[in-house]
Amino acid sequence: MKKSKDQNFNFTLIDEIGGRVVDDLYFEKADGSQEKLTALQLVGMYFNNVKKIQFVQEDKNTLKIQFVGRGEIEPQKEILSLMINFLS
């Protein structure tokens, strides 16, 4: 971020906004075919005992899942099993 050169305006100029590149998450199956999850599909999933959840795909076969739980939570049982079943 940098200051505006225009003295009439007291605004900060933003150089770049980083964020979402593609909404869909793509995965490669063992047979080489691709499976994808759209943002709408993710929004439609309900995870028990999860207050907030974020999905970050760093490469085609890696999905980082960050979440805030409500009380006791077993991620393998309540998040991963639903994701695996959905992709199967």
N, C-alpha and C. Protein backbone atom coordinates (compact mmCIF):
# COMPACT_ATOMS: atom_id res chain seq x y z
N MET A 1 0.84 -1.17 0.00
CA MET A 1 0.00 0.00 0.00
C MET A 1 0.89 1.24 0.00
N LYS A 2 0.42 2.27 -0.67
CA LYS A 2 1.19 3.50 -0.70
C LYS A 2 0.25 4.70 -0.61
N LYS A 3 0.78 5.82 -0.21
CA LYS A 3 -0.01 7.03 -0.06
C LYS A 3 -0.29 7.66 -1.41
N SER A 4 -1.43 8.29 -1.52
CA SER A 4 -1.80 8.98 -2.75
C SER A 4 -0.90 10.19 -2.97
N LYS A 5 -0.53 10.43 -4.22
CA LYS A 5 0.29 11.60 -4.56
C LYS A 5 -0.59 12.85 -4.67
N ASP A 6 -1.88 12.65 -4.81
CA ASP A 6 -2.81 13.77 -4.95
C ASP A 6 -3.11 14.34 -3.56
N GLN A 7 -2.73 15.59 -3.33
CA GLN A 7 -2.91 16.21 -2.03
C GLN A 7 -4.38 16.53 -1.71
N ASN A 8 -5.24 16.53 -2.71
CA ASN A 8 -6.65 16.84 -2.49
C ASN A 8 -7.41 15.66 -1.90
N PHE A 9 -6.84 14.49 -1.98
CA PHE A 9 -7.50 13.29 -1.47
C PHE A 9 -6.59 12.62 -0.44
N ASN A 10 -7.18 12.24 0.66
CA ASN A 10 -6.40 11.58 1.71
C ASN A 10 -6.74 10.09 1.71
N PHE A 11 -6.41 9.42 0.62
CA PHE A 11 -6.70 7.99 0.47
C PHE A 11 -5.40 7.21 0.35
N THR A 12 -5.48 5.95 0.70
CA THR A 12 -4.36 5.05 0.50
C THR A 12 -4.61 4.26 -0.78
N LEU A 13 -3.61 4.13 -1.62
CA LEU A 13 -3.73 3.35 -2.85
C LEU A 13 -3.32 1.92 -2.59
N ILE A 14 -4.05 0.98 -3.12
CA ILE A 14 -3.76 -0.44 -2.95
C ILE A 14 -3.05 -0.93 -4.21
N ASP A 15 -1.90 -1.57 -4.04
CA ASP A 15 -1.14 -2.09 -5.17
C ASP A 15 -1.77 -3.34 -5.75
N GLU A 16 -2.24 -4.24 -4.88
CA GLU A 16 -2.72 -5.53 -5.35
C GLU A 16 -3.72 -6.10 -4.34
N ILE A 17 -4.72 -6.78 -4.86
CA ILE A 17 -5.67 -7.49 -4.01
C ILE A 17 -5.51 -8.97 -4.29
N GLY A 18 -5.11 -9.72 -3.28
CA GLY A 18 -4.95 -11.16 -3.43
C GLY A 18 -6.21 -11.86 -2.98
N GLY A 19 -6.47 -13.00 -3.56
CA GLY A 19 -7.66 -13.74 -3.14
C GLY A 19 -7.92 -14.92 -4.03
N ARG A 20 -9.15 -15.26 -4.12
CA ARG A 20 -9.60 -16.43 -4.85
C ARG A 20 -9.24 -16.33 -6.33
N VAL A 21 -8.68 -17.40 -6.87
CA VAL A 21 -8.36 -17.46 -8.29
C VAL A 21 -9.44 -18.24 -9.02
N VAL A 22 -9.76 -19.41 -8.51
CA VAL A 22 -10.80 -20.27 -9.10
C VAL A 22 -11.65 -20.80 -7.96
N ASP A 23 -12.95 -20.75 -8.13
CA ASP A 23 -13.85 -21.23 -7.07
C ASP A 23 -13.93 -22.75 -7.00
N ASP A 24 -13.77 -23.43 -8.13
CA ASP A 24 -13.90 -24.88 -8.15
C ASP A 24 -12.64 -25.56 -7.64
N LEU A 25 -12.82 -26.68 -6.94
CA LEU A 25 -11.70 -27.48 -6.46
C LEU A 25 -11.60 -28.71 -7.35
N TYR A 26 -10.45 -28.95 -7.95
CA TYR A 26 -10.25 -30.08 -8.85
C TYR A 26 -9.36 -31.12 -8.21
N PHE A 27 -9.72 -32.37 -8.39
CA PHE A 27 -8.95 -33.49 -7.87
C PHE A 27 -8.74 -34.51 -8.98
N GLU A 28 -7.59 -35.15 -9.00
CA GLU A 28 -7.30 -36.18 -9.99
C GLU A 28 -7.48 -37.54 -9.34
N LYS A 29 -8.30 -38.38 -9.95
CA LYS A 29 -8.54 -39.73 -9.42
C LYS A 29 -7.40 -40.66 -9.85
N ALA A 30 -7.37 -41.84 -9.26
CA ALA A 30 -6.31 -42.81 -9.56
C ALA A 30 -6.30 -43.20 -11.04
N ASP A 31 -7.47 -43.20 -11.69
CA ASP A 31 -7.54 -43.57 -13.11
C ASP A 31 -7.20 -42.41 -14.05
N GLY A 32 -6.82 -41.24 -13.48
CA GLY A 32 -6.44 -40.09 -14.29
C GLY A 32 -7.59 -39.14 -14.60
N SER A 33 -8.81 -39.55 -14.33
CA SER A 33 -9.95 -38.65 -14.57
C SER A 33 -10.00 -37.59 -13.48
N GLN A 34 -10.74 -36.52 -13.76
CA GLN A 34 -10.83 -35.43 -12.79
C GLN A 34 -12.20 -35.37 -12.16
N GLU A 35 -12.22 -34.97 -10.91
CA GLU A 35 -13.45 -34.73 -10.16
C GLU A 35 -13.36 -33.31 -9.66
N LYS A 36 -14.50 -32.62 -9.61
CA LYS A 36 -14.44 -31.26 -9.08
C LYS A 36 -15.56 -31.03 -8.08
N LEU A 37 -15.29 -30.13 -7.17
CA LEU A 37 -16.29 -29.64 -6.23
C LEU A 37 -16.45 -28.15 -6.50
N THR A 38 -17.68 -27.71 -6.66
CA THR A 38 -17.92 -26.29 -6.88
C THR A 38 -18.18 -25.61 -5.54
N ALA A 39 -18.08 -24.30 -5.53
CA ALA A 39 -18.35 -23.53 -4.31
C ALA A 39 -19.78 -23.77 -3.84
N LEU A 40 -20.72 -23.90 -4.77
CA LEU A 40 -22.11 -24.16 -4.39
C LEU A 40 -22.27 -25.51 -3.71
N GLN A 41 -21.54 -26.51 -4.18
CA GLN A 41 -21.60 -27.83 -3.54
C GLN A 41 -21.04 -27.76 -2.12
N LEU A 42 -19.96 -27.02 -1.93
CA LEU A 42 -19.36 -26.90 -0.60
C LEU A 42 -20.31 -26.16 0.36
N VAL A 43 -20.97 -25.14 -0.14
CA VAL A 43 -21.90 -24.38 0.70
C VAL A 43 -23.06 -25.28 1.13
N GLY A 44 -23.45 -26.21 0.27
CA GLY A 44 -24.57 -27.10 0.56
C GLY A 44 -24.25 -28.20 1.56
N MET A 45 -22.97 -28.40 1.86
CA MET A 45 -22.59 -29.46 2.80
C MET A 45 -22.81 -28.97 4.23
N TYR A 46 -23.29 -29.85 5.07
CA TYR A 46 -23.46 -29.51 6.48
C TYR A 46 -22.52 -30.38 7.29
N PHE A 47 -21.66 -29.75 8.07
CA PHE A 47 -20.72 -30.46 8.90
C PHE A 47 -21.15 -30.32 10.36
N ASN A 48 -21.42 -31.45 11.01
CA ASN A 48 -21.80 -31.43 12.42
C ASN A 48 -20.70 -30.82 13.27
N ASN A 49 -21.10 -30.06 14.27
CA ASN A 49 -20.18 -29.48 15.24
C ASN A 49 -19.12 -28.56 14.65
N VAL A 50 -19.37 -27.99 13.48
CA VAL A 50 -18.42 -27.08 12.85
C VAL A 50 -19.06 -25.69 12.75
N LYS A 51 -18.41 -24.72 13.37
CA LYS A 51 -18.93 -23.35 13.35
C LYS A 51 -18.50 -22.64 12.06
N LYS A 52 -17.20 -22.75 11.71
CA LYS A 52 -16.65 -22.13 10.51
C LYS A 52 -15.74 -23.13 9.83
N ILE A 53 -15.69 -23.06 8.48
CA ILE A 53 -14.80 -23.96 7.76
C ILE A 53 -14.27 -23.24 6.52
N GLN A 54 -13.00 -23.49 6.20
CA GLN A 54 -12.37 -22.89 5.03
C GLN A 54 -11.60 -23.98 4.28
N PHE A 55 -11.76 -24.00 2.96
CA PHE A 55 -11.07 -24.95 2.09
C PHE A 55 -10.06 -24.19 1.26
N VAL A 56 -8.80 -24.64 1.26
CA VAL A 56 -7.76 -24.03 0.46
C VAL A 56 -7.08 -25.13 -0.34
N GLN A 57 -7.14 -25.02 -1.67
CA GLN A 57 -6.49 -26.01 -2.53
C GLN A 57 -5.15 -25.44 -2.98
N GLU A 58 -4.07 -26.08 -2.53
CA GLU A 58 -2.73 -25.59 -2.84
C GLU A 58 -2.19 -26.19 -4.13
N ASP A 59 -2.62 -27.39 -4.48
CA ASP A 59 -2.31 -28.00 -5.77
C ASP A 59 -3.43 -28.97 -6.10
N LYS A 60 -3.34 -29.66 -7.25
CA LYS A 60 -4.48 -30.43 -7.72
C LYS A 60 -4.91 -31.60 -6.83
N ASN A 61 -4.06 -32.06 -5.96
CA ASN A 61 -4.44 -33.18 -5.10
C ASN A 61 -4.25 -32.90 -3.61
N THR A 62 -4.18 -31.63 -3.26
CA THR A 62 -4.02 -31.27 -1.86
C THR A 62 -5.11 -30.28 -1.48
N LEU A 63 -5.81 -30.58 -0.41
CA LEU A 63 -6.85 -29.69 0.10
C LEU A 63 -6.60 -29.45 1.57
N LYS A 64 -6.37 -28.19 1.93
CA LYS A 64 -6.17 -27.83 3.33
C LYS A 64 -7.53 -27.40 3.87
N ILE A 65 -7.93 -28.00 4.99
CA ILE A 65 -9.22 -27.69 5.60
C ILE A 65 -8.94 -27.08 6.97
N GLN A 66 -9.37 -25.84 7.15
CA GLN A 66 -9.24 -25.17 8.44
C GLN A 66 -10.64 -24.99 8.99
N PHE A 67 -10.83 -25.23 10.28
CA PHE A 67 -12.18 -25.13 10.83
C PHE A 67 -12.14 -24.69 12.29
N VAL A 68 -13.28 -24.17 12.72
CA VAL A 68 -13.52 -23.84 14.12
C VAL A 68 -14.68 -24.72 14.54
N GLY A 69 -14.45 -25.55 15.53
CA GLY A 69 -15.48 -26.49 15.97
C GLY A 69 -16.34 -25.95 17.09
N ARG A 70 -17.46 -26.62 17.26
CA ARG A 70 -18.34 -26.38 18.40
C ARG A 70 -18.11 -27.52 19.38
N GLY A 71 -17.41 -27.26 20.45
CA GLY A 71 -17.15 -28.32 21.42
C GLY A 71 -16.23 -29.39 20.86
N GLU A 72 -16.50 -30.62 21.22
CA GLU A 72 -15.70 -31.77 20.76
C GLU A 72 -15.99 -32.04 19.29
N ILE A 73 -14.92 -32.25 18.52
CA ILE A 73 -15.10 -32.57 17.09
C ILE A 73 -14.05 -33.59 16.67
N GLU A 74 -14.46 -34.54 15.86
CA GLU A 74 -13.56 -35.52 15.27
C GLU A 74 -13.51 -35.23 13.77
N PRO A 75 -12.48 -34.50 13.30
CA PRO A 75 -12.43 -34.09 11.90
C PRO A 75 -12.53 -35.26 10.91
N GLN A 76 -11.87 -36.39 11.23
CA GLN A 76 -11.90 -37.53 10.31
C GLN A 76 -13.34 -38.03 10.14
N LYS A 77 -14.09 -37.99 11.20
CA LYS A 77 -15.44 -38.52 11.19
C LYS A 77 -16.45 -37.51 10.62
N GLU A 78 -16.32 -36.26 11.00
CA GLU A 78 -17.34 -35.28 10.68
C GLU A 78 -17.07 -34.46 9.42
N ILE A 79 -15.82 -34.36 8.99
CA ILE A 79 -15.51 -33.58 7.79
C ILE A 79 -15.00 -34.48 6.68
N LEU A 80 -13.93 -35.22 6.94
CA LEU A 80 -13.32 -36.01 5.88
C LEU A 80 -14.23 -37.10 5.33
N SER A 81 -14.96 -37.76 6.18
CA SER A 81 -15.83 -38.84 5.68
C SER A 81 -16.89 -38.29 4.73
N LEU A 82 -17.44 -37.11 5.04
CA LEU A 82 -18.44 -36.51 4.15
C LEU A 82 -17.81 -36.10 2.82
N MET A 83 -16.60 -35.53 2.87
CA MET A 83 -15.91 -35.15 1.64
C MET A 83 -15.61 -36.36 0.77
N ILE A 84 -15.12 -37.43 1.39
CA ILE A 84 -14.79 -38.66 0.64
C ILE A 84 -16.03 -39.27 0.02
N ASN A 85 -17.12 -39.34 0.80
CA ASN A 85 -18.37 -39.88 0.26
C ASN A 85 -18.89 -39.04 -0.89
N PHE A 86 -18.74 -37.75 -0.80
CA PHE A 86 -19.24 -36.86 -1.86
C PHE A 86 -18.45 -37.05 -3.14
N LEU A 87 -17.14 -37.27 -3.01
CA LEU A 87 -16.29 -37.44 -4.19
C LEU A 87 -16.33 -38.86 -4.77
N SER A 88 -16.88 -39.80 -4.03
CA SER A 88 -16.92 -41.19 -4.49
C SER A 88 -17.99 -41.41 -5.54
